[in-house]
Amino acid sequence: MDRSQKADSVASLNATFNEVGVVVVTRNLGLSVAQSTELRSKMREAGATYKVAKNRLAKRAIVDTDYAGIDDFLTGPTALATSVDPVAAAKVVIDFAKTTDKLEVVGGSMGSQVLDADGVKALASMPSLDELRAKLVGLVNAPATKIAQLSTAPAAKLARVFGAYAAKDAA
């Protein structure tokens, strides 16, 4: 890598760090190409990215961002999982790490809050942003449905009473 490529890489990583909601640092302990490809595809499906970056360049890129606290995690063969949704990247990494012992979660950061490996696991157990939105819509929608049912119930009862009187008079 020449100097201009390194500068471009640092600028790209810095832009990524300024846009995302979470960064998870993982240690690659011998993932095969197939496993790495599978992990990247699962990340894409969840709206996250998984990138291997040189530690020195990543350390330069996190300067003056909220993720400056992950500097200590960037040693050895590391990779960065990032996503705008604070839960998506953590969920995919933790789920994938359960299937193989060749991926270790080192830690991460959610904004300026630095997380250790247990913190990332706790973050992964939370519902995603889309799941929370669905629950909120369900909670808002349920009372409206009940109000509609209650407002139509008396009219339906009156219609049945009038129908019964009409049938009685006809007989």
N, C-alpha and C. Protein backbone atom coordinates (compact mmCIF):
# COMPACT_ATOMS: atom_id res chain seq x y z
N MET A 1 0.84 -1.18 0.00
CA MET A 1 0.00 0.00 0.00
C MET A 1 0.89 1.24 0.00
N ASP A 2 0.67 2.12 -0.95
CA ASP A 2 1.45 3.36 -0.93
C ASP A 2 0.76 4.41 -0.08
N ARG A 3 1.39 5.54 0.07
CA ARG A 3 0.92 6.57 0.99
C ARG A 3 -0.47 7.08 0.64
N SER A 4 -0.76 7.26 -0.64
CA SER A 4 -2.09 7.78 -1.03
C SER A 4 -3.19 6.75 -0.74
N GLN A 5 -2.89 5.47 -0.94
CA GLN A 5 -3.87 4.43 -0.64
C GLN A 5 -4.15 4.38 0.86
N LYS A 6 -3.10 4.57 1.65
CA LYS A 6 -3.28 4.60 3.10
C LYS A 6 -4.12 5.79 3.53
N ALA A 7 -3.87 6.95 2.93
CA ALA A 7 -4.66 8.14 3.25
C ALA A 7 -6.13 7.93 2.87
N ASP A 8 -6.36 7.31 1.73
CA ASP A 8 -7.74 7.02 1.31
C ASP A 8 -8.41 6.05 2.27
N SER A 9 -7.67 5.05 2.70
CA SER A 9 -8.21 4.06 3.63
C SER A 9 -8.56 4.70 4.97
N VAL A 10 -7.67 5.58 5.47
CA VAL A 10 -7.94 6.26 6.74
C VAL A 10 -9.16 7.17 6.59
N ALA A 11 -9.27 7.88 5.48
CA ALA A 11 -10.42 8.77 5.27
C ALA A 11 -11.72 7.96 5.18
N SER A 12 -11.67 6.82 4.51
CA SER A 12 -12.86 5.97 4.39
C SER A 12 -13.28 5.43 5.75
N LEU A 13 -12.31 4.95 6.53
CA LEU A 13 -12.63 4.44 7.87
C LEU A 13 -13.16 5.55 8.76
N ASN A 14 -12.58 6.74 8.67
CA ASN A 14 -13.04 7.86 9.49
C ASN A 14 -14.48 8.22 9.14
N ALA A 15 -14.80 8.24 7.85
CA ALA A 15 -16.18 8.52 7.43
C ALA A 15 -17.13 7.45 7.97
N THR A 16 -16.69 6.20 7.95
CA THR A 16 -17.51 5.10 8.49
C THR A 16 -17.74 5.29 9.98
N PHE A 17 -16.68 5.62 10.73
CA PHE A 17 -16.81 5.81 12.17
C PHE A 17 -17.74 6.98 12.51
N ASN A 18 -17.82 7.98 11.66
CA ASN A 18 -18.69 9.12 11.93
C ASN A 18 -20.15 8.83 11.59
N GLU A 19 -20.43 7.76 10.84
CA GLU A 19 -21.80 7.46 10.42
C GLU A 19 -22.46 6.35 11.23
N VAL A 20 -21.68 5.44 11.80
CA VAL A 20 -22.26 4.23 12.40
C VAL A 20 -22.68 4.44 13.84
N GLY A 21 -23.51 3.51 14.33
CA GLY A 21 -23.99 3.56 15.70
C GLY A 21 -23.25 2.61 16.63
N VAL A 22 -22.56 1.62 16.04
CA VAL A 22 -21.81 0.66 16.86
C VAL A 22 -20.62 0.13 16.06
N VAL A 23 -19.54 -0.13 16.78
CA VAL A 23 -18.36 -0.78 16.20
C VAL A 23 -18.02 -1.96 17.11
N VAL A 24 -17.92 -3.15 16.52
CA VAL A 24 -17.54 -4.35 17.26
C VAL A 24 -16.18 -4.82 16.73
N VAL A 25 -15.24 -4.98 17.63
CA VAL A 25 -13.90 -5.44 17.25
C VAL A 25 -13.82 -6.94 17.48
N THR A 26 -13.43 -7.67 16.44
CA THR A 26 -13.30 -9.12 16.53
C THR A 26 -11.86 -9.52 16.24
N ARG A 27 -11.49 -10.68 16.73
CA ARG A 27 -10.17 -11.22 16.46
C ARG A 27 -10.34 -12.47 15.62
N ASN A 28 -9.65 -12.48 14.48
CA ASN A 28 -9.70 -13.60 13.56
C ASN A 28 -8.67 -14.63 14.01
N LEU A 29 -9.15 -15.80 14.36
CA LEU A 29 -8.26 -16.87 14.82
C LEU A 29 -8.15 -17.99 13.79
N GLY A 30 -8.21 -17.63 12.52
CA GLY A 30 -8.06 -18.62 11.45
C GLY A 30 -9.32 -18.93 10.71
N LEU A 31 -10.17 -17.93 10.47
CA LEU A 31 -11.38 -18.15 9.67
C LEU A 31 -11.00 -18.53 8.25
N SER A 32 -11.69 -19.50 7.70
CA SER A 32 -11.46 -19.86 6.30
C SER A 32 -12.13 -18.82 5.41
N VAL A 33 -11.80 -18.86 4.14
CA VAL A 33 -12.40 -17.92 3.19
C VAL A 33 -13.91 -18.13 3.13
N ALA A 34 -14.35 -19.38 3.16
CA ALA A 34 -15.79 -19.67 3.10
C ALA A 34 -16.50 -19.11 4.34
N GLN A 35 -15.89 -19.29 5.51
CA GLN A 35 -16.50 -18.76 6.74
C GLN A 35 -16.55 -17.24 6.71
N SER A 36 -15.48 -16.62 6.25
CA SER A 36 -15.43 -15.17 6.17
C SER A 36 -16.48 -14.64 5.19
N THR A 37 -16.64 -15.32 4.07
CA THR A 37 -17.65 -14.93 3.08
C THR A 37 -19.05 -15.07 3.66
N GLU A 38 -19.28 -16.17 4.38
CA GLU A 38 -20.58 -16.39 5.02
C GLU A 38 -20.88 -15.29 6.04
N LEU A 39 -19.88 -14.92 6.84
CA LEU A 39 -20.06 -13.86 7.83
C LEU A 39 -20.37 -12.54 7.16
N ARG A 40 -19.65 -12.22 6.10
CA ARG A 40 -19.90 -10.95 5.39
C ARG A 40 -21.30 -10.92 4.78
N SER A 41 -21.78 -12.05 4.25
CA SER A 41 -23.12 -12.05 3.66
C SER A 41 -24.19 -11.90 4.73
N LYS A 42 -23.98 -12.52 5.90
CA LYS A 42 -24.94 -12.35 7.00
C LYS A 42 -24.94 -10.90 7.47
N MET A 43 -23.77 -10.28 7.48
CA MET A 43 -23.68 -8.87 7.87
C MET A 43 -24.45 -7.98 6.88
N ARG A 44 -24.27 -8.25 5.59
CA ARG A 44 -24.98 -7.45 4.58
C ARG A 44 -26.49 -7.58 4.74
N GLU A 45 -26.95 -8.81 5.00
CA GLU A 45 -28.39 -9.04 5.19
C GLU A 45 -28.93 -8.24 6.37
N ALA A 46 -28.11 -8.06 7.40
CA ALA A 46 -28.55 -7.33 8.59
C ALA A 46 -28.32 -5.83 8.47
N GLY A 47 -27.74 -5.38 7.36
CA GLY A 47 -27.48 -3.95 7.19
C GLY A 47 -26.19 -3.50 7.86
N ALA A 48 -25.26 -4.42 8.04
CA ALA A 48 -23.99 -4.12 8.70
C ALA A 48 -22.84 -4.44 7.74
N THR A 49 -21.63 -4.07 8.14
CA THR A 49 -20.45 -4.38 7.35
C THR A 49 -19.40 -5.02 8.24
N TYR A 50 -18.55 -5.81 7.61
CA TYR A 50 -17.46 -6.48 8.31
C TYR A 50 -16.21 -6.25 7.48
N LYS A 51 -15.22 -5.60 8.07
CA LYS A 51 -14.04 -5.20 7.30
C LYS A 51 -12.78 -5.46 8.10
N VAL A 52 -11.81 -6.04 7.43
CA VAL A 52 -10.48 -6.19 8.02
C VAL A 52 -9.71 -4.93 7.68
N ALA A 53 -9.18 -4.29 8.70
CA ALA A 53 -8.42 -3.05 8.50
C ALA A 53 -7.10 -3.15 9.25
N LYS A 54 -6.09 -2.54 8.71
CA LYS A 54 -4.81 -2.51 9.42
C LYS A 54 -5.01 -1.73 10.71
N ASN A 55 -4.47 -2.26 11.79
CA ASN A 55 -4.66 -1.65 13.10
C ASN A 55 -4.13 -0.22 13.15
N ARG A 56 -2.97 0.00 12.57
CA ARG A 56 -2.38 1.34 12.60
C ARG A 56 -3.27 2.35 11.87
N LEU A 57 -3.82 1.94 10.74
CA LEU A 57 -4.71 2.85 9.98
C LEU A 57 -6.02 3.07 10.73
N ALA A 58 -6.53 2.01 11.35
CA ALA A 58 -7.77 2.14 12.12
C ALA A 58 -7.56 3.06 13.32
N LYS A 59 -6.40 2.97 13.96
CA LYS A 59 -6.11 3.84 15.10
C LYS A 59 -6.05 5.29 14.67
N ARG A 60 -5.52 5.55 13.48
CA ARG A 60 -5.49 6.92 12.97
C ARG A 60 -6.90 7.40 12.62
N ALA A 61 -7.73 6.49 12.13
CA ALA A 61 -9.07 6.87 11.70
C ALA A 61 -10.00 7.17 12.87
N ILE A 62 -9.77 6.56 14.04
CA ILE A 62 -10.69 6.78 15.17
C ILE A 62 -10.36 8.04 15.96
N VAL A 63 -9.25 8.68 15.65
CA VAL A 63 -8.91 9.92 16.34
C VAL A 63 -9.99 10.95 16.04
N ASP A 64 -10.42 11.67 17.06
CA ASP A 64 -11.46 12.71 16.95
C ASP A 64 -12.83 12.15 16.57
N THR A 65 -13.09 10.89 16.90
CA THR A 65 -14.44 10.33 16.74
C THR A 65 -14.90 9.82 18.10
N ASP A 66 -16.15 9.40 18.17
CA ASP A 66 -16.68 8.86 19.42
C ASP A 66 -16.05 7.51 19.77
N TYR A 67 -15.41 6.88 18.81
CA TYR A 67 -14.90 5.52 19.00
C TYR A 67 -13.41 5.49 19.37
N ALA A 68 -12.88 6.58 19.86
CA ALA A 68 -11.47 6.63 20.24
C ALA A 68 -11.15 5.64 21.37
N GLY A 69 -12.12 5.22 22.13
CA GLY A 69 -11.91 4.31 23.25
C GLY A 69 -11.57 2.89 22.85
N ILE A 70 -11.80 2.52 21.57
CA ILE A 70 -11.50 1.15 21.16
C ILE A 70 -10.05 0.98 20.74
N ASP A 71 -9.24 1.99 20.93
CA ASP A 71 -7.83 1.97 20.55
C ASP A 71 -7.11 0.77 21.15
N ASP A 72 -7.39 0.44 22.40
CA ASP A 72 -6.72 -0.67 23.08
C ASP A 72 -7.09 -2.04 22.50
N PHE A 73 -8.25 -2.14 21.86
CA PHE A 73 -8.69 -3.41 21.29
C PHE A 73 -7.99 -3.73 19.97
N LEU A 74 -7.38 -2.73 19.34
CA LEU A 74 -6.82 -2.90 18.00
C LEU A 74 -5.40 -3.43 18.06
N THR A 75 -5.26 -4.67 18.46
CA THR A 75 -3.97 -5.37 18.47
C THR A 75 -4.18 -6.76 17.92
N GLY A 76 -3.22 -7.25 17.17
CA GLY A 76 -3.33 -8.58 16.60
C GLY A 76 -4.20 -8.58 15.36
N PRO A 77 -4.61 -9.77 14.91
CA PRO A 77 -5.42 -9.88 13.69
C PRO A 77 -6.89 -9.52 13.95
N THR A 78 -7.22 -8.26 13.80
CA THR A 78 -8.57 -7.80 14.13
C THR A 78 -9.37 -7.45 12.87
N ALA A 79 -10.67 -7.39 13.05
CA ALA A 79 -11.60 -6.94 12.02
C ALA A 79 -12.68 -6.13 12.70
N LEU A 80 -13.30 -5.23 11.95
CA LEU A 80 -14.30 -4.33 12.50
C LEU A 80 -15.67 -4.61 11.90
N ALA A 81 -16.64 -4.82 12.75
CA ALA A 81 -18.03 -4.97 12.34
C ALA A 81 -18.75 -3.69 12.72
N THR A 82 -19.40 -3.05 11.75
CA THR A 82 -20.07 -1.77 12.01
C THR A 82 -21.48 -1.80 11.48
N SER A 83 -22.36 -1.02 12.11
CA SER A 83 -23.72 -0.85 11.61
C SER A 83 -24.31 0.43 12.18
N VAL A 84 -25.26 0.97 11.46
CA VAL A 84 -25.98 2.16 11.92
C VAL A 84 -26.91 1.78 13.07
N ASP A 85 -27.59 0.64 12.91
CA ASP A 85 -28.43 0.10 13.98
C ASP A 85 -27.51 -0.40 15.09
N PRO A 86 -27.64 0.10 16.31
CA PRO A 86 -26.71 -0.27 17.36
C PRO A 86 -26.70 -1.75 17.73
N VAL A 87 -27.66 -2.52 17.27
CA VAL A 87 -27.74 -3.92 17.67
C VAL A 87 -27.36 -4.88 16.54
N ALA A 88 -27.53 -4.48 15.30
CA ALA A 88 -27.40 -5.40 14.16
C ALA A 88 -26.03 -6.06 14.08
N ALA A 89 -24.96 -5.28 14.11
CA ALA A 89 -23.61 -5.86 13.97
C ALA A 89 -23.29 -6.77 15.15
N ALA A 90 -23.66 -6.35 16.34
CA ALA A 90 -23.38 -7.17 17.53
C ALA A 90 -24.11 -8.49 17.46
N LYS A 91 -25.38 -8.49 17.02
CA LYS A 91 -26.16 -9.72 16.93
C LYS A 91 -25.53 -10.72 15.96
N VAL A 92 -25.16 -10.24 14.79
CA VAL A 92 -24.61 -11.13 13.77
C VAL A 92 -23.27 -11.71 14.23
N VAL A 93 -22.42 -10.86 14.80
CA VAL A 93 -21.10 -11.33 15.25
C VAL A 93 -21.24 -12.35 16.37
N ILE A 94 -22.09 -12.08 17.34
CA ILE A 94 -22.26 -13.01 18.46
C ILE A 94 -22.86 -14.33 17.98
N ASP A 95 -23.86 -14.26 17.10
CA ASP A 95 -24.46 -15.49 16.57
C ASP A 95 -23.44 -16.31 15.78
N PHE A 96 -22.60 -15.63 15.00
CA PHE A 96 -21.60 -16.34 14.20
C PHE A 96 -20.50 -16.91 15.10
N ALA A 97 -20.13 -16.18 16.14
CA ALA A 97 -19.08 -16.66 17.05
C ALA A 97 -19.53 -17.91 17.80
N LYS A 98 -20.85 -18.08 17.98
CA LYS A 98 -21.36 -19.29 18.64
C LYS A 98 -21.15 -20.53 17.77
N THR A 99 -21.09 -20.35 16.45
CA THR A 99 -20.97 -21.49 15.54
C THR A 99 -19.53 -21.89 15.30
N THR A 100 -18.57 -21.02 15.59
CA THR A 100 -17.17 -21.33 15.35
C THR A 100 -16.30 -20.78 16.48
N ASP A 101 -15.20 -21.46 16.72
CA ASP A 101 -14.28 -20.97 17.74
C ASP A 101 -13.14 -20.17 17.12
N LYS A 102 -13.25 -19.86 15.84
CA LYS A 102 -12.20 -19.13 15.14
C LYS A 102 -12.47 -17.63 15.05
N LEU A 103 -13.52 -17.19 15.70
CA LEU A 103 -13.84 -15.76 15.75
C LEU A 103 -14.07 -15.40 17.21
N GLU A 104 -13.30 -14.45 17.69
CA GLU A 104 -13.40 -14.03 19.09
C GLU A 104 -13.85 -12.58 19.13
N VAL A 105 -14.83 -12.28 19.96
CA VAL A 105 -15.28 -10.91 20.15
C VAL A 105 -14.38 -10.28 21.22
N VAL A 106 -13.69 -9.22 20.83
CA VAL A 106 -12.75 -8.56 21.73
C VAL A 106 -13.46 -7.48 22.54
N GLY A 107 -14.30 -6.71 21.87
CA GLY A 107 -15.01 -5.62 22.52
C GLY A 107 -15.64 -4.75 21.47
N GLY A 108 -15.98 -3.55 21.85
CA GLY A 108 -16.59 -2.64 20.90
C GLY A 108 -16.93 -1.34 21.55
N SER A 109 -17.72 -0.57 20.82
CA SER A 109 -18.13 0.73 21.31
C SER A 109 -19.45 1.11 20.67
N MET A 110 -20.32 1.67 21.49
CA MET A 110 -21.59 2.20 21.01
C MET A 110 -21.53 3.69 21.29
N GLY A 111 -21.11 4.44 20.27
CA GLY A 111 -20.83 5.85 20.48
C GLY A 111 -19.59 5.99 21.34
N SER A 112 -19.65 6.80 22.35
CA SER A 112 -18.49 6.97 23.22
C SER A 112 -18.46 5.94 24.35
N GLN A 113 -19.48 5.09 24.44
CA GLN A 113 -19.54 4.05 25.48
C GLN A 113 -18.75 2.83 25.02
N VAL A 114 -17.62 2.57 25.67
CA VAL A 114 -16.79 1.41 25.33
C VAL A 114 -17.37 0.16 25.99
N LEU A 115 -17.44 -0.93 25.23
CA LEU A 115 -18.01 -2.18 25.70
C LEU A 115 -16.96 -3.28 25.67
N ASP A 116 -16.93 -4.10 26.70
CA ASP A 116 -16.08 -5.28 26.66
C ASP A 116 -16.85 -6.39 25.95
N ALA A 117 -16.29 -7.59 25.90
CA ALA A 117 -16.94 -8.70 25.19
C ALA A 117 -18.31 -9.02 25.79
N ASP A 118 -18.41 -8.96 27.13
CA ASP A 118 -19.71 -9.23 27.76
C ASP A 118 -20.72 -8.13 27.45
N GLY A 119 -20.26 -6.89 27.33
CA GLY A 119 -21.13 -5.79 26.95
C GLY A 119 -21.67 -5.95 25.54
N VAL A 120 -20.83 -6.45 24.64
CA VAL A 120 -21.28 -6.69 23.26
C VAL A 120 -22.32 -7.82 23.25
N LYS A 121 -22.11 -8.85 24.08
CA LYS A 121 -23.09 -9.95 24.17
C LYS A 121 -24.42 -9.44 24.72
N ALA A 122 -24.37 -8.56 25.70
CA ALA A 122 -25.60 -7.99 26.25
C ALA A 122 -26.30 -7.13 25.21
N LEU A 123 -25.54 -6.39 24.43
CA LEU A 123 -26.11 -5.56 23.37
C LEU A 123 -26.78 -6.44 22.32
N ALA A 124 -26.17 -7.58 22.02
CA ALA A 124 -26.72 -8.48 21.01
C ALA A 124 -28.03 -9.11 21.46
N SER A 125 -28.25 -9.20 22.77
CA SER A 125 -29.48 -9.81 23.26
C SER A 125 -30.67 -8.84 23.23
N MET A 126 -30.41 -7.58 22.97
CA MET A 126 -31.50 -6.60 22.90
C MET A 126 -32.22 -6.70 21.56
N PRO A 127 -33.48 -6.27 21.51
CA PRO A 127 -34.19 -6.29 20.22
C PRO A 127 -33.63 -5.22 19.29
N SER A 128 -33.67 -5.50 17.99
CA SER A 128 -33.15 -4.55 17.01
C SER A 128 -34.09 -3.35 16.88
N LEU A 129 -33.62 -2.37 16.15
CA LEU A 129 -34.40 -1.15 15.96
C LEU A 129 -35.72 -1.45 15.24
N ASP A 130 -35.68 -2.33 14.25
CA ASP A 130 -36.91 -2.70 13.53
C ASP A 130 -37.89 -3.44 14.43
N GLU A 131 -37.38 -4.32 15.30
CA GLU A 131 -38.26 -5.04 16.22
C GLU A 131 -38.91 -4.08 17.21
N LEU A 132 -38.15 -3.11 17.69
CA LEU A 132 -38.72 -2.12 18.61
C LEU A 132 -39.79 -1.28 17.92
N ARG A 133 -39.54 -0.91 16.67
CA ARG A 133 -40.54 -0.14 15.92
C ARG A 133 -41.82 -0.94 15.74
N ALA A 134 -41.69 -2.23 15.44
CA ALA A 134 -42.86 -3.09 15.26
C ALA A 134 -43.67 -3.19 16.55
N LYS A 135 -42.97 -3.35 17.68
CA LYS A 135 -43.67 -3.41 18.97
C LYS A 135 -44.39 -2.10 19.25
N LEU A 136 -43.75 -0.98 18.96
CA LEU A 136 -44.35 0.32 19.20
C LEU A 136 -45.60 0.52 18.35
N VAL A 137 -45.52 0.14 17.08
CA VAL A 137 -46.69 0.25 16.20
C VAL A 137 -47.81 -0.64 16.71
N GLY A 138 -47.46 -1.84 17.16
CA GLY A 138 -48.47 -2.75 17.70
C GLY A 138 -49.15 -2.18 18.93
N LEU A 139 -48.35 -1.54 19.81
CA LEU A 139 -48.93 -0.94 21.02
C LEU A 139 -49.83 0.24 20.69
N VAL A 140 -49.43 1.02 19.70
CA VAL A 140 -50.25 2.17 19.31
C VAL A 140 -51.51 1.71 18.59
N ASN A 141 -51.40 0.67 17.78
CA ASN A 141 -52.51 0.19 16.98
C ASN A 141 -53.56 -0.55 17.81
N ALA A 142 -53.17 -1.24 18.86
CA ALA A 142 -54.09 -2.05 19.66
C ALA A 142 -55.21 -1.22 20.28
N PRO A 143 -54.94 -0.10 20.94
CA PRO A 143 -56.05 0.68 21.50
C PRO A 143 -57.02 1.19 20.44
N ALA A 144 -56.51 1.57 19.28
CA ALA A 144 -57.39 2.06 18.22
C ALA A 144 -58.32 0.96 17.74
N THR A 145 -57.82 -0.25 17.64
CA THR A 145 -58.65 -1.39 17.24
C THR A 145 -59.73 -1.65 18.28
N LYS A 146 -59.37 -1.60 19.55
CA LYS A 146 -60.36 -1.84 20.61
C LYS A 146 -61.41 -0.75 20.63
N ILE A 147 -61.02 0.49 20.41
CA ILE A 147 -62.00 1.59 20.38
C ILE A 147 -62.97 1.39 19.23
N ALA A 148 -62.46 0.97 18.08
CA ALA A 148 -63.33 0.73 16.93
C ALA A 148 -64.31 -0.40 17.22
N GLN A 149 -63.85 -1.45 17.89
CA GLN A 149 -64.73 -2.57 18.24
C GLN A 149 -65.80 -2.11 19.24
N LEU A 150 -65.42 -1.31 20.22
CA LEU A 150 -66.38 -0.84 21.22
C LEU A 150 -67.41 0.10 20.61
N SER A 151 -67.00 0.92 19.67
CA SER A 151 -67.95 1.87 19.09
C SER A 151 -68.93 1.17 18.16
N THR A 152 -68.56 0.06 17.55
CA THR A 152 -69.49 -0.63 16.66
C THR A 152 -70.34 -1.65 17.40
N ALA A 153 -69.94 -2.07 18.58
CA ALA A 153 -70.69 -3.09 19.32
C ALA A 153 -72.10 -2.64 19.69
N PRO A 154 -72.32 -1.43 20.24
CA PRO A 154 -73.70 -1.03 20.57
C PRO A 154 -74.60 -0.95 19.33
N ALA A 155 -74.07 -0.48 18.22
CA ALA A 155 -74.89 -0.40 17.01
C ALA A 155 -75.28 -1.80 16.55
N ALA A 156 -74.38 -2.74 16.65
CA ALA A 156 -74.69 -4.11 16.24
C ALA A 156 -75.75 -4.71 17.16
N LYS A 157 -75.67 -4.41 18.46
CA LYS A 157 -76.68 -4.92 19.40
C LYS A 157 -78.05 -4.33 19.09
N LEU A 158 -78.09 -3.02 18.79
CA LEU A 158 -79.37 -2.39 18.43
C LEU A 158 -79.95 -3.01 17.17
N ALA A 159 -79.09 -3.27 16.20
CA ALA A 159 -79.58 -3.86 14.95
C ALA A 159 -80.17 -5.25 15.22
N ARG A 160 -79.54 -6.03 16.10
CA ARG A 160 -80.07 -7.36 16.41
C ARG A 160 -81.42 -7.25 17.14
N VAL A 161 -81.57 -6.27 18.06
CA VAL A 161 -82.82 -6.09 18.79
C VAL A 161 -83.94 -5.70 17.83
N PHE A 162 -83.64 -4.74 16.93
CA PHE A 162 -84.66 -4.32 15.96
C PHE A 162 -85.02 -5.47 15.02
N GLY A 163 -84.03 -6.25 14.67
CA GLY A 163 -84.27 -7.42 13.81
C GLY A 163 -85.16 -8.44 14.51
N ALA A 164 -84.96 -8.62 15.82
CA ALA A 164 -85.76 -9.58 16.58
C ALA A 164 -87.21 -9.08 16.69
N TYR A 165 -87.41 -7.75 16.94
CA TYR A 165 -88.77 -7.20 16.99
C TYR A 165 -89.46 -7.32 15.65
N ALA A 166 -88.73 -7.08 14.57
CA ALA A 166 -89.32 -7.17 13.23
C ALA A 166 -89.72 -8.62 12.96
N ALA A 167 -88.91 -9.55 13.35
CA ALA A 167 -89.25 -10.97 13.14
C ALA A 167 -90.44 -11.38 14.00
N LYS A 168 -90.53 -10.83 15.21
CA LYS A 168 -91.64 -11.16 16.10
C LYS A 168 -92.94 -10.60 15.54
N ASP A 169 -92.90 -9.33 15.05
CA ASP A 169 -94.10 -8.72 14.48
C ASP A 169 -94.54 -9.42 13.20
N ALA A 170 -93.63 -9.88 12.44
CA ALA A 170 -93.96 -10.57 11.18
C ALA A 170 -94.59 -11.93 11.45
N ALA A 171 -94.28 -12.52 12.56
CA ALA A 171 -94.80 -13.85 12.86
C ALA A 171 -96.16 -13.78 13.42
